[in-house]
PDB file of N, CA and C in Angstrom:
ATOM      1  N   MET A   1       0.798  -1.123  -0.059  1.00  0.00           N
ATOM      2  CA  MET A   1      -0.123   0.129  -0.123  1.00  0.00           C
ATOM      3  C   MET A   1       0.843   1.136   0.050  1.00  0.00           C
ATOM      4  N   LYS A   2       0.606   2.201  -0.818  1.00  0.00           N
ATOM      5  CA  LYS A   2       1.222   3.382  -0.980  1.00  0.00           C
ATOM      6  C   LYS A   2       0.294   4.506  -0.585  1.00  0.00           C
ATOM      7  N   TYR A   3       1.185   5.531   0.326  1.00  0.00           N
ATOM      8  CA  TYR A   3       0.560   6.818   0.927  1.00  0.00           C
ATOM      9  C   TYR A   3       1.213   7.884   0.511  1.00  0.00           C
ATOM     10  N   ASN A   4       0.666   8.588  -0.846  1.00  0.00           N
ATOM     11  CA  ASN A   4       1.706   9.845  -1.369  1.00  0.00           C
ATOM     12  C   ASN A   4       3.071   9.463  -1.554  1.00  0.00           C
ATOM     13  N   GLY A   5       3.067   8.326  -2.300  1.00  0.00           N
ATOM     14  CA  GLY A   5       4.270   7.979  -2.240  1.00  0.00           C
ATOM     15  C   GLY A   5       5.206   7.249  -1.756  1.00  0.00           C
ATOM     16  N   MET A   6       4.744   7.367  -0.586  1.00  0.00           N
ATOM     17  CA  MET A   6       5.880   6.408   0.536  1.00  0.00           C
ATOM     18  C   MET A   6       5.006   5.063   0.939  1.00  0.00           C
ATOM     19  N   ALA A   7       5.892   3.916   1.037  1.00  0.00           N
ATOM     20  CA  ALA A   7       5.414   2.732   1.739  1.00  0.00           C
ATOM     21  C   ALA A   7       4.319   2.995   2.994  1.00  0.00           C
ATOM     22  N   ALA A   8       3.176   2.277   3.027  1.00  0.00           N
ATOM     23  CA  ALA A   8       2.606   2.144   4.019  1.00  0.00           C
ATOM     24  C   ALA A   8       3.005   1.925   5.574  1.00  0.00           C
ATOM     25  N   SER A   9       4.149   0.896   5.049  1.00  0.00           N
ATOM     26  CA  SER A   9       5.027   0.370   6.512  1.00  0.00           C
ATOM     27  C   SER A   9       5.586   1.658   7.484  1.00  0.00           C
ATOM     28  N   GLY A  10       6.168   2.671   6.254  1.00  0.00           N
ATOM     29  CA  GLY A  10       7.001   3.608   6.758  1.00  0.00           C
ATOM     30  C   GLY A  10       6.008   4.798   7.661  1.00  0.00           C
ATOM     31  N   LEU A  11       4.860   4.523   7.423  1.00  0.00           N
ATOM     32  CA  LEU A  11       3.802   5.614   7.912  1.00  0.00           C
ATOM     33  C   LEU A  11       3.322   4.976   9.214  1.00  0.00           C
ATOM     34  N   GLY A  12       3.668   3.725   9.538  1.00  0.00           N
ATOM     35  CA  GLY A  12       2.926   2.977  10.821  1.00  0.00           C
ATOM     36  C   GLY A  12       1.266   2.877  10.676  1.00  0.00           C
ATOM     37  N   LEU A  13       0.661   2.499   9.015  1.00  0.00           N
ATOM     38  CA  LEU A  13      -0.306   2.006   8.642  1.00  0.00           C
ATOM     39  C   LEU A  13      -0.634   0.761   8.802  1.00  0.00           C
ATOM     40  N   ARG A  14      -1.705   0.544   9.049  1.00  0.00           N
ATOM     41  CA  ARG A  14      -2.243  -1.257   9.290  1.00  0.00           C
ATOM     42  C   ARG A  14      -3.067  -1.113   7.816  1.00  0.00           C
ATOM     43  N   GLY A  15      -3.495  -2.716   8.121  1.00  0.00           N
ATOM     44  CA  GLY A  15      -4.292  -2.883   6.926  1.00  0.00           C
ATOM     45  C   GLY A  15      -5.539  -2.107   6.597  1.00  0.00           C
ATOM     46  N   ASP A  16      -6.129  -1.414   7.435  1.00  0.00           N
ATOM     47  CA  ASP A  16      -7.322  -0.627   7.415  1.00  0.00           C
ATOM     48  C   ASP A  16      -6.922   0.978   6.950  1.00  0.00           C
ATOM     49  N   GLY A  17      -5.588   1.124   7.110  1.00  0.00           N
ATOM     50  CA  GLY A  17      -5.411   2.355   6.268  1.00  0.00           C
ATOM     51  C   GLY A  17      -5.142   3.641   7.415  1.00  0.00           C
ATOM     52  N   LEU A  18      -5.386   3.063   8.642  1.00  0.00           N
ATOM     53  CA  LEU A  18      -5.199   4.091   9.813  1.00  0.00           C
ATOM     54  C   LEU A  18      -3.923   3.849  10.441  1.00  0.00           C
ATOM     55  N   SER A  19      -3.612   5.366  10.761  1.00  0.00           N
ATOM     56  CA  SER A  19      -1.803   5.221  11.407  1.00  0.00           C
ATOM     57  C   SER A  19      -2.311   4.897  12.750  1.00  0.00           C
ATOM     58  N   ILE A  20      -1.235   4.557  13.586  1.00  0.00           N
ATOM     59  CA  ILE A  20      -1.179   4.254  14.924  1.00  0.00           C
ATOM     60  C   ILE A  20      -1.702   5.542  15.783  1.00  0.00           C
ATOM     61  N   GLN A  21      -1.204   6.620  15.260  1.00  0.00           N
ATOM     62  CA  GLN A  21      -1.880   7.856  16.106  1.00  0.00           C
ATOM     63  C   GLN A  21      -3.500   8.123  15.898  1.00  0.00           C
ATOM     64  N   GLU A  22      -3.870   7.723  14.687  1.00  0.00           N
ATOM     65  CA  GLU A  22      -5.217   7.787  14.282  1.00  0.00           C
ATOM     66  C   GLU A  22      -6.043   6.700  15.328  1.00  0.00           C
ATOM     67  N   ARG A  23      -5.444   5.471  15.667  1.00  0.00           N
ATOM     68  CA  ARG A  23      -6.252   4.605  16.134  1.00  0.00           C
ATOM     69  C   ARG A  23      -6.182   4.915  17.540  1.00  0.00           C
ATOM     70  N   ARG A  24      -5.216   5.485  17.838  1.00  0.00           N
ATOM     71  CA  ARG A  24      -5.050   6.114  19.501  1.00  0.00           C
ATOM     72  C   ARG A  24      -6.076   7.069  19.699  1.00  0.00           C
ATOM     73  N   LEU A  25      -6.217   8.042  18.631  1.00  0.00           N
ATOM     74  CA  LEU A  25      -7.046   9.339  18.821  1.00  0.00           C
ATOM     75  C   LEU A  25      -8.639   8.756  18.737  1.00  0.00           C
ATOM     76  N   ARG A  26      -8.742   7.780  18.348  1.00  0.00           N
ATOM     77  CA  ARG A  26     -10.472   7.197  18.036  1.00  0.00           C
ATOM     78  C   ARG A  26     -10.692   6.591  19.323  1.00  0.00           C
ATOM     79  N   GLU A  27      -9.520   5.469  19.690  1.00  0.00           N
ATOM     80  CA  GLU A  27      -9.880   4.788  21.141  1.00  0.00           C
ATOM     81  C   GLU A  27     -10.359   6.177  22.239  1.00  0.00           C
ATOM     82  N   ALA A  28      -9.420   7.158  22.409  1.00  0.00           N
ATOM     83  CA  ALA A  28      -9.253   8.161  23.161  1.00  0.00           C
ATOM     84  C   ALA A  28     -10.693   8.733  23.178  1.00  0.00           C
ATOM     85  N   CYS A  29     -11.372   8.994  21.762  1.00  0.00           N
ATOM     86  CA  CYS A  29     -12.558   9.664  21.816  1.00  0.00           C
ATOM     87  C   CYS A  29     -13.673   8.740  22.028  1.00  0.00           C
ATOM     88  N   ARG A  30     -13.589   7.516  22.154  1.00  0.00           N
ATOM     89  CA  ARG A  30     -14.483   6.668  22.327  1.00  0.00           C
ATOM     90  C   ARG A  30     -14.652   6.425  23.736  1.00  0.00           C
ATOM     91  N   ASP A  31     -13.300   6.524  24.607  1.00  0.00           N
ATOM     92  CA  ASP A  31     -13.455   6.454  26.157  1.00  0.00           C
ATOM     93  C   ASP A  31     -13.877   7.870  26.493  1.00  0.00           C
ATOM     94  N   PHE A  32     -13.978   9.134  26.030  1.00  0.00           N
ATOM     95  CA  PHE A  32     -14.400  10.265  26.477  1.00  0.00           C
ATOM     96  C   PHE A  32     -15.713  10.290  26.211  1.00  0.00           C
ATOM     97  N   GLU A  33     -16.333   9.633  24.880  1.00  0.00           N
ATOM     98  CA  GLU A  33     -17.525   9.684  24.764  1.00  0.00           C
ATOM     99  C   GLU A  33     -18.588   8.829  25.996  1.00  0.00           C
ATOM    100  N   ALA A  34     -17.870   7.448  26.365  1.00  0.00           N
ATOM    101  CA  ALA A  34     -18.642   6.463  27.053  1.00  0.00           C
ATOM    102  C   ALA A  34     -18.455   7.435  28.697  1.00  0.00           C
ATOM    103  N   ILE A  35     -17.565   8.259  29.042  1.00  0.00           N
ATOM    104  CA  ILE A  35     -17.491   8.932  30.138  1.00  0.00           C
ATOM    105  C   ILE A  35     -18.313   9.900  30.116  1.00  0.00           C
ATOM    106  N   PHE A  36     -18.761  10.575  29.042  1.00  0.00           N
ATOM    107  CA  PHE A  36     -19.707  11.758  29.010  1.00  0.00           C
ATOM    108  C   PHE A  36     -21.076  11.216  28.929  1.00  0.00           C
ATOM    109  N   ILE A  37     -21.365  10.077  28.191  1.00  0.00           N
ATOM    110  CA  ILE A  37     -22.758   9.854  28.341  1.00  0.00           C
ATOM    111  C   ILE A  37     -23.015   9.015  29.628  1.00  0.00           C
ATOM    112  N   SER A  38     -21.935   8.520  30.471  1.00  0.00           N
ATOM    113  CA  SER A  38     -22.448   8.035  31.881  1.00  0.00           C
ATOM    114  C   SER A  38     -22.874   9.050  32.420  1.00  0.00           C
ATOM    115  N   TYR A  39     -21.968  10.158  32.323  1.00  0.00           N
ATOM    116  CA  TYR A  39     -22.370  11.174  33.261  1.00  0.00           C
ATOM    117  C   TYR A  39     -23.397  12.053  33.055  1.00  0.00           C
ATOM    118  N   LEU A  40     -23.795  12.207  31.738  1.00  0.00           N
ATOM    119  CA  LEU A  40     -25.036  12.840  31.204  1.00  0.00           C
ATOM    120  C   LEU A  40     -26.512  11.880  31.886  1.00  0.00           C
ATOM    121  N   LEU A  41     -26.270  10.807  31.599  1.00  0.00           N
ATOM    122  CA  LEU A  41     -27.523   9.690  32.338  1.00  0.00           C
ATOM    123  C   LEU A  41     -27.617   9.918  33.731  1.00  0.00           C
ATOM    124  N   LYS A  42     -26.187  10.144  34.443  1.00  0.00           N
ATOM    125  CA  LYS A  42     -26.523  10.043  36.026  1.00  0.00           C
ATOM    126  C   LYS A  42     -27.157  11.637  36.306  1.00  0.00           C
ATOM    127  N   VAL A  43     -26.667  12.403  35.512  1.00  0.00           N
ATOM    128  CA  VAL A  43     -27.106  14.050  36.058  1.00  0.00           C
ATOM    129  C   VAL A  43     -28.975  13.876  35.363  1.00  0.00           C
ATOM    130  N   MET A  44     -29.215  13.172  34.515  1.00  0.00           N
ATOM    131  CA  MET A  44     -30.411  13.139  34.001  1.00  0.00           C
ATOM    132  C   MET A  44     -31.388  12.741  35.163  1.00  0.00           C
ATOM    133  N   ARG A  45     -30.873  11.238  35.331  1.00  0.00           N
ATOM    134  CA  ARG A  45     -31.871  10.658  36.426  1.00  0.00           C
ATOM    135  C   ARG A  45     -31.763  11.505  37.797  1.00  0.00           C
ATOM    136  N   GLU A  46     -30.850  11.985  38.069  1.00  0.00           N
ATOM    137  CA  GLU A  46     -31.033  13.142  39.301  1.00  0.00           C
ATOM    138  C   GLU A  46     -32.298  13.908  39.117  1.00  0.00           C
ATOM    139  N   SER A  47     -32.535  14.586  37.857  1.00  0.00           N
ATOM    140  CA  SER A  47     -33.202  15.584  37.586  1.00  0.00           C
ATOM    141  C   SER A  47     -34.795  15.015  37.744  1.00  0.00           C
ATOM    142  N   VAL A  48     -35.086  13.846  37.380  1.00  0.00           N
ATOM    143  CA  VAL A  48     -36.025  13.310  37.521  1.00  0.00           C
ATOM    144  C   VAL A  48     -36.849  13.098  39.001  1.00  0.00           C
ATOM    145  N   PRO A  49     -38.238  13.266  39.396  1.00  0.00           N
ATOM    146  CA  PRO A  49     -38.326  12.837  40.715  1.00  0.00           C
ATOM    147  C   PRO A  49     -38.402  11.280  40.622  1.00  0.00           C
ATOM    148  N   GLN A  50     -37.900  11.066  42.211  1.00  0.00           N
ATOM    149  CA  GLN A  50     -37.639   9.543  42.416  1.00  0.00           C
ATOM    150  C   GLN A  50     -38.993   8.992  42.886  1.00  0.00           C
ATOM    151  N   SER A  51     -39.375   7.806  42.456  1.00  0.00           N
ATOM    152  CA  SER A  51     -40.158   6.856  43.165  1.00  0.00           C
ATOM    153  C   SER A  51     -39.820   5.812  44.060  1.00  0.00           C
ATOM    154  N   SER A  52     -40.689   5.517  44.731  1.00  0.00           N
ATOM    155  CA  SER A  52     -40.487   4.312  45.853  1.00  0.00           C
ATOM    156  C   SER A  52     -40.461   3.085  45.150  1.00  0.00           C
ATOM    157  N   LEU A  53     -40.494   2.746  43.796  1.00  0.00           N
ATOM    158  CA  LEU A  53     -40.471   1.368  43.139  1.00  0.00           C
ATOM    159  C   LEU A  53     -39.152   0.769  43.546  1.00  0.00           C
ATOM    160  N   PHE A  54     -38.111   1.521  43.455  1.00  0.00           N
ATOM    161  CA  PHE A  54     -36.749   0.664  43.860  1.00  0.00           C
ATOM    162  C   PHE A  54     -36.437   0.950  45.167  1.00  0.00           C
ATOM    163  N   GLY A  55     -37.149   1.471  45.887  1.00  0.00           N
ATOM    164  CA  GLY A  55     -36.646   1.687  47.265  1.00  0.00           C
ATOM    165  C   GLY A  55     -35.395   2.781  47.145  1.00  0.00           C
ATOM    166  N   ASP A  56     -34.813   2.979  48.349  1.00  0.00           N
ATOM    167  CA  ASP A  56     -33.523   3.758  48.650  1.00  0.00           C
ATOM    168  C   ASP A  56     -32.345   2.931  49.118  1.00  0.00           C
ATOM    169  N   GLY A  57     -31.225   3.349  48.837  1.00  0.00           N
ATOM    170  CA  GLY A  57     -30.140   2.957  49.597  1.00  0.00           C
ATOM    171  C   GLY A  57     -29.146   2.421  48.239  1.00  0.00           C
ATOM    172  N   LEU A  58     -28.192   1.753  48.768  1.00  0.00           N
ATOM    173  CA  LEU A  58     -26.825   1.160  47.941  1.00  0.00           C
ATOM    174  C   LEU A  58     -27.096   0.303  47.016  1.00  0.00           C
ATOM    175  N   CYS A  59     -28.063  -0.376  47.116  1.00  0.00           N
ATOM    176  CA  CYS A  59     -28.004  -1.417  45.996  1.00  0.00           C
ATOM    177  C   CYS A  59     -29.019  -0.725  44.753  1.00  0.00           C
ATOM    178  N   LYS A  60     -29.891   0.031  44.838  1.00  0.00           N
ATOM    179  CA  LYS A  60     -30.321   1.050  43.641  1.00  0.00           C
ATOM    180  C   LYS A  60     -29.594   1.736  43.221  1.00  0.00           C
ATOM    181  N   ASP A  61     -28.338   2.388  43.900  1.00  0.00           N
ATOM    182  CA  ASP A  61     -27.283   3.190  43.318  1.00  0.00           C
ATOM    183  C   ASP A  61     -26.315   2.128  42.335  1.00  0.00           C
ATOM    184  N   ILE A  62     -26.069   0.878  42.959  1.00  0.00           N
ATOM    185  CA  ILE A  62     -25.246   0.046  42.229  1.00  0.00           C
ATOM    186  C   ILE A  62     -26.079  -0.438  41.047  1.00  0.00           C
ATOM    187  N   TYR A  63     -27.109  -0.585  40.958  1.00  0.00           N
ATOM    188  CA  TYR A  63     -28.256  -1.101  39.869  1.00  0.00           C
ATOM    189  C   TYR A  63     -28.216  -0.159  38.916  1.00  0.00           C
ATOM    190  N   PHE A  64     -28.462   1.168  39.133  1.00  0.00           N
ATOM    191  CA  PHE A  64     -28.518   2.181  38.108  1.00  0.00           C
ATOM    192  C   PHE A  64     -26.956   2.431  37.568  1.00  0.00           C
ATOM    193  N   SER A  65     -26.041   2.417  38.377  1.00  0.00           N
ATOM    194  CA  SER A  65     -24.831   2.579  37.750  1.00  0.00           C
ATOM    195  C   SER A  65     -24.256   1.519  36.787  1.00  0.00           C
ATOM    196  N   ILE A  66     -24.762  -0.058  37.263  1.00  0.00           N
ATOM    197  CA  ILE A  66     -24.576  -0.953  36.043  1.00  0.00           C
ATOM    198  C   ILE A  66     -25.471  -0.701  34.890  1.00  0.00           C
ATOM    199  N   MET A  67     -26.871  -0.458  35.006  1.00  0.00           N
ATOM    200  CA  MET A  67     -27.690  -0.122  33.869  1.00  0.00           C
ATOM    201  C   MET A  67     -27.079   1.036  32.991  1.00  0.00           C
ATOM    202  N   ASP A  68     -26.387   2.338  33.528  1.00  0.00           N
ATOM    203  CA  ASP A  68     -25.810   3.327  32.753  1.00  0.00           C
ATOM    204  C   ASP A  68     -24.602   2.792  32.104  1.00  0.00           C
ATOM    205  N   ARG A  69     -24.015   1.884  32.721  1.00  0.00           N
ATOM    206  CA  ARG A  69     -22.675   1.326  31.843  1.00  0.00           C
ATOM    207  C   ARG A  69     -22.772   0.534  30.640  1.00  0.00           C
ATOM    208  N   GLN A  70     -23.779  -0.229  30.745  1.00  0.00           N
ATOM    209  CA  GLN A  70     -24.352  -1.234  29.910  1.00  0.00           C
ATOM    210  C   GLN A  70     -25.085  -0.428  28.710  1.00  0.00           C
ATOM    211  N   MET A  71     -25.736   0.894  29.140  1.00  0.00           N
ATOM    212  CA  MET A  71     -26.344   1.603  27.801  1.00  0.00           C
ATOM    213  C   MET A  71     -25.066   2.149  27.189  1.00  0.00           C
TER     214      MET A  71
END
């Protein structure tokens, strides 16, 4: 594979054409997005009136935390 006349191996490109730096940037963006969405869900949940369906306590907090991570 050539890129601007240079061999792909000299640029650190892999089979999909992304450089190592681009892969790291995408991974960092995915990590940031996950943290941002998790925080957003937590803040949104705090703004909604709480019902007594789930009760109160640590178990409820753990359950919602796990649910947010899975989303």
